[in-house]
Amino acid sequence: MIERTPCVYILASGYNGALYVGVTSNLIGRIEQHRAGTFDGHTRKYGIRRLVYFEVAETMDAAIAREKQLKRYRREWKRNLIERENPAWNDFAVGFGLEPLA
């Protein structure tokens, strides 16, 4: 079950919009927190709430290492990574039962 699995994820404000890279062991719960505006800062300020990419990792240490790697990526590389798996920048959170964004 994905709810308690180490993941690295990328959120976007919209197609080719502002990006955020994060890591969690509870992907659905974390996305719900971002959507509720629980966290001050970058995601809240720029309305970054759309789950456009995620990877499951074997361990939390591996997920953290991958997060650090992705954070060092240039924007173009992140965009290419997203578009390989999600060319339309769809919100994957909807597939996990979360409500579509307005």
PDB file of N, CA and C in Angstrom:
ATOM      1  N   MET A   1       0.848  -1.187   0.000  1.00  0.00           N
ATOM      2  CA  MET A   1       0.000   0.000   0.000  1.00  0.00           C
ATOM      3  C   MET A   1       0.892   1.249   0.000  1.00  0.00           C
ATOM      4  N   ILE A   2       0.592   2.227  -0.823  1.00  0.00           N
ATOM      5  CA  ILE A   2       1.442   3.410  -1.006  1.00  0.00           C
ATOM      6  C   ILE A   2       1.436   4.348   0.194  1.00  0.00           C
ATOM      7  N   GLU A   3       0.427   4.266   1.070  1.00  0.00           N
ATOM      8  CA  GLU A   3       0.326   5.230   2.164  1.00  0.00           C
ATOM      9  C   GLU A   3       1.518   5.210   3.110  1.00  0.00           C
ATOM     10  N   ARG A   4       2.146   4.054   3.315  1.00  0.00           N
ATOM     11  CA  ARG A   4       3.275   3.949   4.245  1.00  0.00           C
ATOM     12  C   ARG A   4       4.516   3.421   3.547  1.00  0.00           C
ATOM     13  N   THR A   5       4.818   4.030   2.422  1.00  0.00           N
ATOM     14  CA  THR A   5       5.956   3.636   1.609  1.00  0.00           C
ATOM     15  C   THR A   5       6.842   4.853   1.377  1.00  0.00           C
ATOM     16  N   PRO A   6       8.161   4.722   1.561  1.00  0.00           N
ATOM     17  CA  PRO A   6       9.042   5.863   1.280  1.00  0.00           C
ATOM     18  C   PRO A   6       8.918   6.308  -0.178  1.00  0.00           C
ATOM     19  N   CYS A   7       8.667   7.586  -0.373  1.00  0.00           N
ATOM     20  CA  CYS A   7       8.493   8.147  -1.721  1.00  0.00           C
ATOM     21  C   CYS A   7       9.181   9.497  -1.820  1.00  0.00           C
ATOM     22  N   VAL A   8       9.647   9.799  -3.010  1.00  0.00           N
ATOM     23  CA  VAL A   8      10.055  11.153  -3.355  1.00  0.00           C
ATOM     24  C   VAL A   8       9.022  11.631  -4.371  1.00  0.00           C
ATOM     25  N   TYR A   9       8.641  12.890  -4.279  1.00  0.00           N
ATOM     26  CA  TYR A   9       7.562  13.369  -5.129  1.00  0.00           C
ATOM     27  C   TYR A   9       7.855  14.776  -5.629  1.00  0.00           C
ATOM     28  N   ILE A  10       7.177  15.117  -6.730  1.00  0.00           N
ATOM     29  CA  ILE A  10       7.247  16.476  -7.268  1.00  0.00           C
ATOM     30  C   ILE A  10       5.824  16.997  -7.385  1.00  0.00           C
ATOM     31  N   LEU A  11       5.613  18.171  -6.811  1.00  0.00           N
ATOM     32  CA  LEU A  11       4.349  18.888  -6.938  1.00  0.00           C
ATOM     33  C   LEU A  11       4.549  20.052  -7.895  1.00  0.00           C
ATOM     34  N   ALA A  12       3.473  20.455  -8.562  1.00  0.00           N
ATOM     35  CA  ALA A  12       3.518  21.617  -9.458  1.00  0.00           C
ATOM     36  C   ALA A  12       2.286  22.469  -9.230  1.00  0.00           C
ATOM     37  N   SER A  13       2.415  23.742  -9.547  1.00  0.00           N
ATOM     38  CA  SER A  13       1.265  24.648  -9.450  1.00  0.00           C
ATOM     39  C   SER A  13       0.342  24.483 -10.651  1.00  0.00           C
ATOM     40  N   GLY A  14       0.837  23.910 -11.710  1.00  0.00           N
ATOM     41  CA  GLY A  14       0.079  23.691 -12.937  1.00  0.00           C
ATOM     42  C   GLY A  14       1.045  23.250 -14.016  1.00  0.00           C
ATOM     43  N   TYR A  15       0.559  23.162 -15.242  1.00  0.00           N
ATOM     44  CA  TYR A  15       1.431  22.748 -16.339  1.00  0.00           C
ATOM     45  C   TYR A  15       2.636  23.672 -16.431  1.00  0.00           C
ATOM     46  N   ASN A  16       3.819  23.080 -16.341  1.00  0.00           N
ATOM     47  CA  ASN A  16       5.087  23.803 -16.439  1.00  0.00           C
ATOM     48  C   ASN A  16       5.163  24.963 -15.441  1.00  0.00           C
ATOM     49  N   GLY A  17       4.477  24.814 -14.304  1.00  0.00           N
ATOM     50  CA  GLY A  17       4.448  25.871 -13.291  1.00  0.00           C
ATOM     51  C   GLY A  17       5.551  25.720 -12.256  1.00  0.00           C
ATOM     52  N   ALA A  18       5.354  26.371 -11.118  1.00  0.00           N
ATOM     53  CA  ALA A  18       6.302  26.297 -10.009  1.00  0.00           C
ATOM     54  C   ALA A  18       6.366  24.855  -9.508  1.00  0.00           C
ATOM     55  N   LEU A  19       7.564  24.410  -9.099  1.00  0.00           N
ATOM     56  CA  LEU A  19       7.784  23.029  -8.675  1.00  0.00           C
ATOM     57  C   LEU A  19       8.245  22.944  -7.233  1.00  0.00           C
ATOM     58  N   TYR A  20       7.971  21.793  -6.626  1.00  0.00           N
ATOM     59  CA  TYR A  20       8.454  21.482  -5.283  1.00  0.00           C
ATOM     60  C   TYR A  20       8.815  20.005  -5.241  1.00  0.00           C
ATOM     61  N   VAL A  21       9.990  19.685  -4.731  1.00  0.00           N
ATOM     62  CA  VAL A  21      10.432  18.301  -4.557  1.00  0.00           C
ATOM     63  C   VAL A  21      10.408  17.991  -3.071  1.00  0.00           C
ATOM     64  N   GLY A  22       9.787  16.868  -2.709  1.00  0.00           N
ATOM     65  CA  GLY A  22       9.715  16.480  -1.305  1.00  0.00           C
ATOM     66  C   GLY A  22       9.868  14.982  -1.126  1.00  0.00           C
ATOM     67  N   VAL A  23       9.931  14.567   0.135  1.00  0.00           N
ATOM     68  CA  VAL A  23      10.066  13.155   0.483  1.00  0.00           C
ATOM     69  C   VAL A  23       9.124  12.863   1.646  1.00  0.00           C
ATOM     70  N   THR A  24       8.576  11.656   1.675  1.00  0.00           N
ATOM     71  CA  THR A  24       7.642  11.277   2.733  1.00  0.00           C
ATOM     72  C   THR A  24       7.506   9.763   2.791  1.00  0.00           C
ATOM     73  N   SER A  25       7.003   9.273   3.899  1.00  0.00           N
ATOM     74  CA  SER A  25       6.639   7.856   3.987  1.00  0.00           C
ATOM     75  C   SER A  25       5.125   7.695   3.926  1.00  0.00           C
ATOM     76  N   ASN A  26       4.410   8.797   3.759  1.00  0.00           N
ATOM     77  CA  ASN A  26       2.950   8.782   3.673  1.00  0.00           C
ATOM     78  C   ASN A  26       2.528   9.749   2.572  1.00  0.00           C
ATOM     79  N   LEU A  27       2.611   9.306   1.338  1.00  0.00           N
ATOM     80  CA  LEU A  27       2.395  10.187   0.194  1.00  0.00           C
ATOM     81  C   LEU A  27       1.002  10.821   0.200  1.00  0.00           C
ATOM     82  N   ILE A  28      -0.023  10.027   0.393  1.00  0.00           N
ATOM     83  CA  ILE A  28      -1.378  10.569   0.355  1.00  0.00           C
ATOM     84  C   ILE A  28      -1.586  11.587   1.473  1.00  0.00           C
ATOM     85  N   GLY A  29      -1.145  11.241   2.675  1.00  0.00           N
ATOM     86  CA  GLY A  29      -1.267  12.162   3.805  1.00  0.00           C
ATOM     87  C   GLY A  29      -0.523  13.463   3.568  1.00  0.00           C
ATOM     88  N   ARG A  30       0.683  13.373   2.985  1.00  0.00           N
ATOM     89  CA  ARG A  30       1.468  14.577   2.723  1.00  0.00           C
ATOM     90  C   ARG A  30       0.791  15.442   1.677  1.00  0.00           C
ATOM     91  N   ILE A  31       0.241  14.839   0.633  1.00  0.00           N
ATOM     92  CA  ILE A  31      -0.442  15.616  -0.399  1.00  0.00           C
ATOM     93  C   ILE A  31      -1.659  16.320   0.206  1.00  0.00           C
ATOM     94  N   GLU A  32      -2.391  15.619   1.072  1.00  0.00           N
ATOM     95  CA  GLU A  32      -3.530  16.246   1.747  1.00  0.00           C
ATOM     96  C   GLU A  32      -3.078  17.454   2.569  1.00  0.00           C
ATOM     97  N   GLN A  33      -1.923  17.339   3.235  1.00  0.00           N
ATOM     98  CA  GLN A  33      -1.393  18.466   4.010  1.00  0.00           C
ATOM     99  C   GLN A  33      -1.041  19.637   3.105  1.00  0.00           C
ATOM    100  N   HIS A  34      -0.402  19.364   1.980  1.00  0.00           N
ATOM    101  CA  HIS A  34      -0.069  20.442   1.037  1.00  0.00           C
ATOM    102  C   HIS A  34      -1.347  21.114   0.533  1.00  0.00           C
ATOM    103  N   ARG A  35      -2.342  20.321   0.187  1.00  0.00           N
ATOM    104  CA  ARG A  35      -3.587  20.883  -0.341  1.00  0.00           C
ATOM    105  C   ARG A  35      -4.338  21.705   0.695  1.00  0.00           C
ATOM    106  N   ALA A  36      -4.210  21.321   1.963  1.00  0.00           N
ATOM    107  CA  ALA A  36      -4.881  22.054   3.034  1.00  0.00           C
ATOM    108  C   ALA A  36      -4.117  23.313   3.433  1.00  0.00           C
ATOM    109  N   GLY A  37      -2.907  23.494   2.895  1.00  0.00           N
ATOM    110  CA  GLY A  37      -2.110  24.667   3.224  1.00  0.00           C
ATOM    111  C   GLY A  37      -1.486  24.575   4.602  1.00  0.00           C
ATOM    112  N   THR A  38      -1.268  23.362   5.090  1.00  0.00           N
ATOM    113  CA  THR A  38      -0.706  23.132   6.420  1.00  0.00           C
ATOM    114  C   THR A  38       0.682  23.736   6.567  1.00  0.00           C
ATOM    115  N   PHE A  39       1.461  23.699   5.509  1.00  0.00           N
ATOM    116  CA  PHE A  39       2.842  24.160   5.559  1.00  0.00           C
ATOM    117  C   PHE A  39       2.961  25.584   5.044  1.00  0.00           C
ATOM    118  N   ASP A  40       3.600  26.445   5.811  1.00  0.00           N
ATOM    119  CA  ASP A  40       3.945  27.770   5.310  1.00  0.00           C
ATOM    120  C   ASP A  40       5.107  27.602   4.346  1.00  0.00           C
ATOM    121  N   GLY A  41       5.307  28.571   3.510  1.00  0.00           N
ATOM    122  CA  GLY A  41       6.472  28.540   2.639  1.00  0.00           C
ATOM    123  C   GLY A  41       6.132  28.416   1.168  1.00  0.00           C
ATOM    124  N   HIS A  42       7.060  27.824   0.440  1.00  0.00           N
ATOM    125  CA  HIS A  42       7.048  27.772  -1.018  1.00  0.00           C
ATOM    126  C   HIS A  42       5.748  27.189  -1.584  1.00  0.00           C
ATOM    127  N   THR A  43       5.334  26.009  -1.095  1.00  0.00           N
ATOM    128  CA  THR A  43       4.149  25.372  -1.687  1.00  0.00           C
ATOM    129  C   THR A  43       2.879  26.175  -1.442  1.00  0.00           C
ATOM    130  N   ARG A  44       2.765  26.724  -0.280  1.00  0.00           N
ATOM    131  CA  ARG A  44       1.571  27.519   0.042  1.00  0.00           C
ATOM    132  C   ARG A  44       1.580  28.846  -0.704  1.00  0.00           C
ATOM    133  N   LYS A  45       2.738  29.495  -0.712  1.00  0.00           N
ATOM    134  CA  LYS A  45       2.865  30.804  -1.361  1.00  0.00           C
ATOM    135  C   LYS A  45       2.529  30.746  -2.850  1.00  0.00           C
ATOM    136  N   TYR A  46       2.971  29.677  -3.518  1.00  0.00           N
ATOM    137  CA  TYR A  46       2.794  29.581  -4.969  1.00  0.00           C
ATOM    138  C   TYR A  46       1.679  28.623  -5.391  1.00  0.00           C
ATOM    139  N   GLY A  47       0.890  28.124  -4.450  1.00  0.00           N
ATOM    140  CA  GLY A  47      -0.238  27.245  -4.790  1.00  0.00           C
ATOM    141  C   GLY A  47       0.199  25.944  -5.426  1.00  0.00           C
ATOM    142  N   ILE A  48       1.270  25.371  -4.932  1.00  0.00           N
ATOM    143  CA  ILE A  48       1.828  24.145  -5.504  1.00  0.00           C
ATOM    144  C   ILE A  48       1.151  22.960  -4.817  1.00  0.00           C
ATOM    145  N   ARG A  49       0.195  22.332  -5.526  1.00  0.00           N
ATOM    146  CA  ARG A  49      -0.619  21.285  -4.903  1.00  0.00           C
ATOM    147  C   ARG A  49      -0.876  20.087  -5.806  1.00  0.00           C
ATOM    148  N   ARG A  50      -0.404  20.117  -7.026  1.00  0.00           N
ATOM    149  CA  ARG A  50      -0.680  19.049  -8.007  1.00  0.00           C
ATOM    150  C   ARG A  50       0.467  18.029  -8.001  1.00  0.00           C
ATOM    151  N   LEU A  51       0.158  16.763  -7.690  1.00  0.00           N
ATOM    152  CA  LEU A  51       1.163  15.696  -7.697  1.00  0.00           C
ATOM    153  C   LEU A  51       1.406  15.270  -9.135  1.00  0.00           C
ATOM    154  N   VAL A  52       2.567  15.659  -9.683  1.00  0.00           N
ATOM    155  CA  VAL A  52       2.840  15.373 -11.093  1.00  0.00           C
ATOM    156  C   VAL A  52       3.875  14.258 -11.287  1.00  0.00           C
ATOM    157  N   TYR A  53       4.548  13.866 -10.198  1.00  0.00           N
ATOM    158  CA  TYR A  53       5.563  12.814 -10.312  1.00  0.00           C
ATOM    159  C   TYR A  53       5.838  12.244  -8.930  1.00  0.00           C
ATOM    160  N   PHE A  54       6.087  10.938  -8.880  1.00  0.00           N
ATOM    161  CA  PHE A  54       6.564  10.329  -7.640  1.00  0.00           C
ATOM    162  C   PHE A  54       7.320   9.049  -7.958  1.00  0.00           C
ATOM    163  N   GLU A  55       8.205   8.704  -7.062  1.00  0.00           N
ATOM    164  CA  GLU A  55       8.960   7.456  -7.143  1.00  0.00           C
ATOM    165  C   GLU A  55       8.880   6.775  -5.790  1.00  0.00           C
ATOM    166  N   VAL A  56       8.701   5.475  -5.791  1.00  0.00           N
ATOM    167  CA  VAL A  56       8.730   4.683  -4.576  1.00  0.00           C
ATOM    168  C   VAL A  56      10.166   4.214  -4.362  1.00  0.00           C
ATOM    169  N   ALA A  57      10.624   4.278  -3.116  1.00  0.00           N
ATOM    170  CA  ALA A  57      11.984   3.863  -2.778  1.00  0.00           C
ATOM    171  C   ALA A  57      11.947   2.649  -1.852  1.00  0.00           C
ATOM    172  N   GLU A  58      13.044   1.913  -1.824  1.00  0.00           N
ATOM    173  CA  GLU A  58      13.150   0.742  -0.952  1.00  0.00           C
ATOM    174  C   GLU A  58      13.185   1.133   0.519  1.00  0.00           C
ATOM    175  N   THR A  59      13.909   2.208   0.827  1.00  0.00           N
ATOM    176  CA  THR A  59      14.081   2.660   2.208  1.00  0.00           C
ATOM    177  C   THR A  59      13.916   4.170   2.271  1.00  0.00           C
ATOM    178  N   MET A  60      13.700   4.677   3.465  1.00  0.00           N
ATOM    179  CA  MET A  60      13.599   6.131   3.635  1.00  0.00           C
ATOM    180  C   MET A  60      14.939   6.785   3.307  1.00  0.00           C
ATOM    181  N   ASP A  61      16.043   6.154   3.665  1.00  0.00           N
ATOM    182  CA  ASP A  61      17.364   6.705   3.327  1.00  0.00           C
ATOM    183  C   ASP A  61      17.528   6.847   1.812  1.00  0.00           C
ATOM    184  N   ALA A  62      17.064   5.854   1.069  1.00  0.00           N
ATOM    185  CA  ALA A  62      17.150   5.914  -0.396  1.00  0.00           C
ATOM    186  C   ALA A  62      16.255   7.037  -0.939  1.00  0.00           C
ATOM    187  N   ALA A  63      15.079   7.198  -0.358  1.00  0.00           N
ATOM    188  CA  ALA A  63      14.171   8.269  -0.793  1.00  0.00           C
ATOM    189  C   ALA A  63      14.780   9.636  -0.524  1.00  0.00           C
ATOM    190  N   ILE A  64      15.403   9.802   0.635  1.00  0.00           N
ATOM    191  CA  ILE A  64      16.034  11.079   0.984  1.00  0.00           C
ATOM    192  C   ILE A  64      17.191  11.378   0.036  1.00  0.00           C
ATOM    193  N   ALA A  65      17.983  10.362  -0.279  1.00  0.00           N
ATOM    194  CA  ALA A  65      19.099  10.545  -1.215  1.00  0.00           C
ATOM    195  C   ALA A  65      18.583  10.963  -2.591  1.00  0.00           C
ATOM    196  N   ARG A  66      17.504  10.330  -3.043  1.00  0.00           N
ATOM    197  CA  ARG A  66      16.935  10.678  -4.344  1.00  0.00           C
ATOM    198  C   ARG A  66      16.353  12.084  -4.321  1.00  0.00           C
ATOM    199  N   GLU A  67      15.703  12.470  -3.207  1.00  0.00           N
ATOM    200  CA  GLU A  67      15.178  13.827  -3.082  1.00  0.00           C
ATOM    201  C   GLU A  67      16.303  14.845  -3.236  1.00  0.00           C
ATOM    202  N   LYS A  68      17.408  14.605  -2.560  1.00  0.00           N
ATOM    203  CA  LYS A  68      18.548  15.526  -2.652  1.00  0.00           C
ATOM    204  C   LYS A  68      19.066  15.607  -4.083  1.00  0.00           C
ATOM    205  N   GLN A  69      19.096  14.460  -4.755  1.00  0.00           N
ATOM    206  CA  GLN A  69      19.535  14.441  -6.148  1.00  0.00           C
ATOM    207  C   GLN A  69      18.587  15.265  -7.028  1.00  0.00           C
ATOM    208  N   LEU A  70      17.275  15.043  -6.871  1.00  0.00           N
ATOM    209  CA  LEU A  70      16.304  15.771  -7.689  1.00  0.00           C
ATOM    210  C   LEU A  70      16.335  17.264  -7.407  1.00  0.00           C
ATOM    211  N   LYS A  71      16.552  17.643  -6.164  1.00  0.00           N
ATOM    212  CA  LYS A  71      16.622  19.065  -5.830  1.00  0.00           C
ATOM    213  C   LYS A  71      17.798  19.753  -6.515  1.00  0.00           C
ATOM    214  N   ARG A  72      18.838  19.001  -6.818  1.00  0.00           N
ATOM    215  CA  ARG A  72      19.998  19.572  -7.522  1.00  0.00           C
ATOM    216  C   ARG A  72      19.772  19.653  -9.032  1.00  0.00           C
ATOM    217  N   TYR A  73      18.768  18.939  -9.534  1.00  0.00           N
ATOM    218  CA  TYR A  73      18.465  18.953 -10.965  1.00  0.00           C
ATOM    219  C   TYR A  73      18.096  20.368 -11.410  1.00  0.00           C
ATOM    220  N   ARG A  74      18.485  20.695 -12.619  1.00  0.00           N
ATOM    221  CA  ARG A  74      18.020  21.940 -13.225  1.00  0.00           C
ATOM    222  C   ARG A  74      16.531  21.792 -13.547  1.00  0.00           C
ATOM    223  N   ARG A  75      15.859  22.904 -13.649  1.00  0.00           N
ATOM    224  CA  ARG A  75      14.414  22.879 -13.922  1.00  0.00           C
ATOM    225  C   ARG A  75      14.091  22.074 -15.180  1.00  0.00           C
ATOM    226  N   GLU A  76      14.865  22.250 -16.227  1.00  0.00           N
ATOM    227  CA  GLU A  76      14.635  21.535 -17.479  1.00  0.00           C
ATOM    228  C   GLU A  76      14.688  20.019 -17.266  1.00  0.00           C
ATOM    229  N   TRP A  77      15.618  19.551 -16.457  1.00  0.00           N
ATOM    230  CA  TRP A  77      15.740  18.113 -16.187  1.00  0.00           C
ATOM    231  C   TRP A  77      14.527  17.610 -15.419  1.00  0.00           C
ATOM    232  N   LYS A  78      14.066  18.400 -14.447  1.00  0.00           N
ATOM    233  CA  LYS A  78      12.868  18.017 -13.694  1.00  0.00           C
ATOM    234  C   LYS A  78      11.666  17.956 -14.632  1.00  0.00           C
ATOM    235  N   ARG A  79      11.529  18.944 -15.497  1.00  0.00           N
ATOM    236  CA  ARG A  79      10.420  18.959 -16.450  1.00  0.00           C
ATOM    237  C   ARG A  79      10.465  17.727 -17.355  1.00  0.00           C
ATOM    238  N   ASN A  80      11.661  17.387 -17.838  1.00  0.00           N
ATOM    239  CA  ASN A  80      11.801  16.198 -18.687  1.00  0.00           C
ATOM    240  C   ASN A  80      11.449  14.923 -17.930  1.00  0.00           C
ATOM    241  N   LEU A  81      11.848  14.838 -16.673  1.00  0.00           N
ATOM    242  CA  LEU A  81      11.526  13.679 -15.841  1.00  0.00           C
ATOM    243  C   LEU A  81      10.008  13.552 -15.689  1.00  0.00           C
ATOM    244  N   ILE A  82       9.346  14.655 -15.383  1.00  0.00           N
ATOM    245  CA  ILE A  82       7.889  14.652 -15.240  1.00  0.00           C
ATOM    246  C   ILE A  82       7.240  14.228 -16.551  1.00  0.00           C
ATOM    247  N   GLU A  83       7.660  14.809 -17.652  1.00  0.00           N
ATOM    248  CA  GLU A  83       6.993  14.582 -18.931  1.00  0.00           C
ATOM    249  C   GLU A  83       7.218  13.186 -19.502  1.00  0.00           C
ATOM    250  N   ARG A  84       8.275  12.491 -19.067  1.00  0.00           N
ATOM    251  CA  ARG A  84       8.450  11.094 -19.489  1.00  0.00           C
ATOM    252  C   ARG A  84       7.334  10.221 -18.944  1.00  0.00           C
ATOM    253  N   GLU A  85       6.914  10.476 -17.713  1.00  0.00           N
ATOM    254  CA  GLU A  85       5.878   9.675 -17.062  1.00  0.00           C
ATOM    255  C   GLU A  85       4.493  10.310 -17.150  1.00  0.00           C
ATOM    256  N   ASN A  86       4.453  11.625 -17.287  1.00  0.00           N
ATOM    257  CA  ASN A  86       3.195  12.355 -17.179  1.00  0.00           C
ATOM    258  C   ASN A  86       3.202  13.546 -18.143  1.00  0.00           C
ATOM    259  N   PRO A  87       3.149  13.279 -19.445  1.00  0.00           N
ATOM    260  CA  PRO A  87       3.279  14.368 -20.422  1.00  0.00           C
ATOM    261  C   PRO A  87       2.221  15.454 -20.313  1.00  0.00           C
ATOM    262  N   ALA A  88       1.045  15.133 -19.793  1.00  0.00           N
ATOM    263  CA  ALA A  88      -0.020  16.129 -19.669  1.00  0.00           C
ATOM    264  C   ALA A  88      -0.008  16.816 -18.306  1.00  0.00           C
ATOM    265  N   TRP A  89       0.934  16.459 -17.443  1.00  0.00           N
ATOM    266  CA  TRP A  89       1.036  17.030 -16.099  1.00  0.00           C
ATOM    267  C   TRP A  89      -0.262  16.814 -15.315  1.00  0.00           C
ATOM    268  N   ASN A  90      -0.858  15.638 -15.466  1.00  0.00           N
ATOM    269  CA  ASN A  90      -2.063  15.292 -14.719  1.00  0.00           C
ATOM    270  C   ASN A  90      -1.761  15.187 -13.234  1.00  0.00           C
ATOM    271  N   ASP A  91      -2.777  15.320 -12.419  1.00  0.00           N
ATOM    272  CA  ASP A  91      -2.641  15.211 -10.964  1.00  0.00           C
ATOM    273  C   ASP A  91      -2.808  13.751 -10.562  1.00  0.00           C
ATOM    274  N   PHE A  92      -1.689  13.085 -10.258  1.00  0.00           N
ATOM    275  CA  PHE A  92      -1.735  11.676  -9.882  1.00  0.00           C
ATOM    276  C   PHE A  92      -2.499  11.438  -8.586  1.00  0.00           C
ATOM    277  N   ALA A  93      -2.648  12.452  -7.758  1.00  0.00           N
ATOM    278  CA  ALA A  93      -3.349  12.285  -6.478  1.00  0.00           C
ATOM    279  C   ALA A  93      -4.806  11.881  -6.693  1.00  0.00           C
ATOM    280  N   VAL A  94      -5.396  12.265  -7.802  1.00  0.00           N
ATOM    281  CA  VAL A  94      -6.772  11.897  -8.104  1.00  0.00           C
ATOM    282  C   VAL A  94      -6.880  10.372  -8.212  1.00  0.00           C
ATOM    283  N   GLY A  95      -5.856   9.737  -8.754  1.00  0.00           N
ATOM    284  CA  GLY A  95      -5.836   8.281  -8.861  1.00  0.00           C
ATOM    285  C   GLY A  95      -5.737   7.589  -7.521  1.00  0.00           C
ATOM    286  N   PHE A  96      -5.350   8.322  -6.480  1.00  0.00           N
ATOM    287  CA  PHE A  96      -5.274   7.768  -5.124  1.00  0.00           C
ATOM    288  C   PHE A  96      -6.526   8.113  -4.320  1.00  0.00           C
ATOM    289  N   GLY A  97      -7.542   8.642  -4.988  1.00  0.00           N
ATOM    290  CA  GLY A  97      -8.810   8.914  -4.326  1.00  0.00           C
ATOM    291  C   GLY A  97      -8.987  10.324  -3.803  1.00  0.00           C
ATOM    292  N   LEU A  98      -8.020  11.211  -4.028  1.00  0.00           N
ATOM    293  CA  LEU A  98      -8.189  12.602  -3.607  1.00  0.00           C
ATOM    294  C   LEU A  98      -9.021  13.344  -4.634  1.00  0.00           C
ATOM    295  N   GLU A  99      -9.705  14.367  -4.176  1.00  0.00           N
ATOM    296  CA  GLU A  99     -10.565  15.170  -5.051  1.00  0.00           C
ATOM    297  C   GLU A  99      -9.726  15.925  -6.078  1.00  0.00           C
ATOM    298  N   PRO A 100     -10.249  16.046  -7.300  1.00  0.00           N
ATOM    299  CA  PRO A 100      -9.549  16.865  -8.297  1.00  0.00           C
ATOM    300  C   PRO A 100      -9.466  18.317  -7.831  1.00  0.00           C
ATOM    301  N   LEU A 101      -8.396  18.976  -8.234  1.00  0.00           N
ATOM    302  CA  LEU A 101      -8.227  20.404  -7.898  1.00  0.00           C
ATOM    303  C   LEU A 101      -9.142  21.230  -8.772  1.00  0.00           C
ATOM    304  N   ALA A 102      -9.595  22.322  -8.233  1.00  0.00           N
ATOM    305  CA  ALA A 102     -10.490  23.230  -8.986  1.00  0.00           C
ATOM    306  C   ALA A 102      -9.723  23.997 -10.023  1.00  0.00           C
TER     307      ALA A 102
END
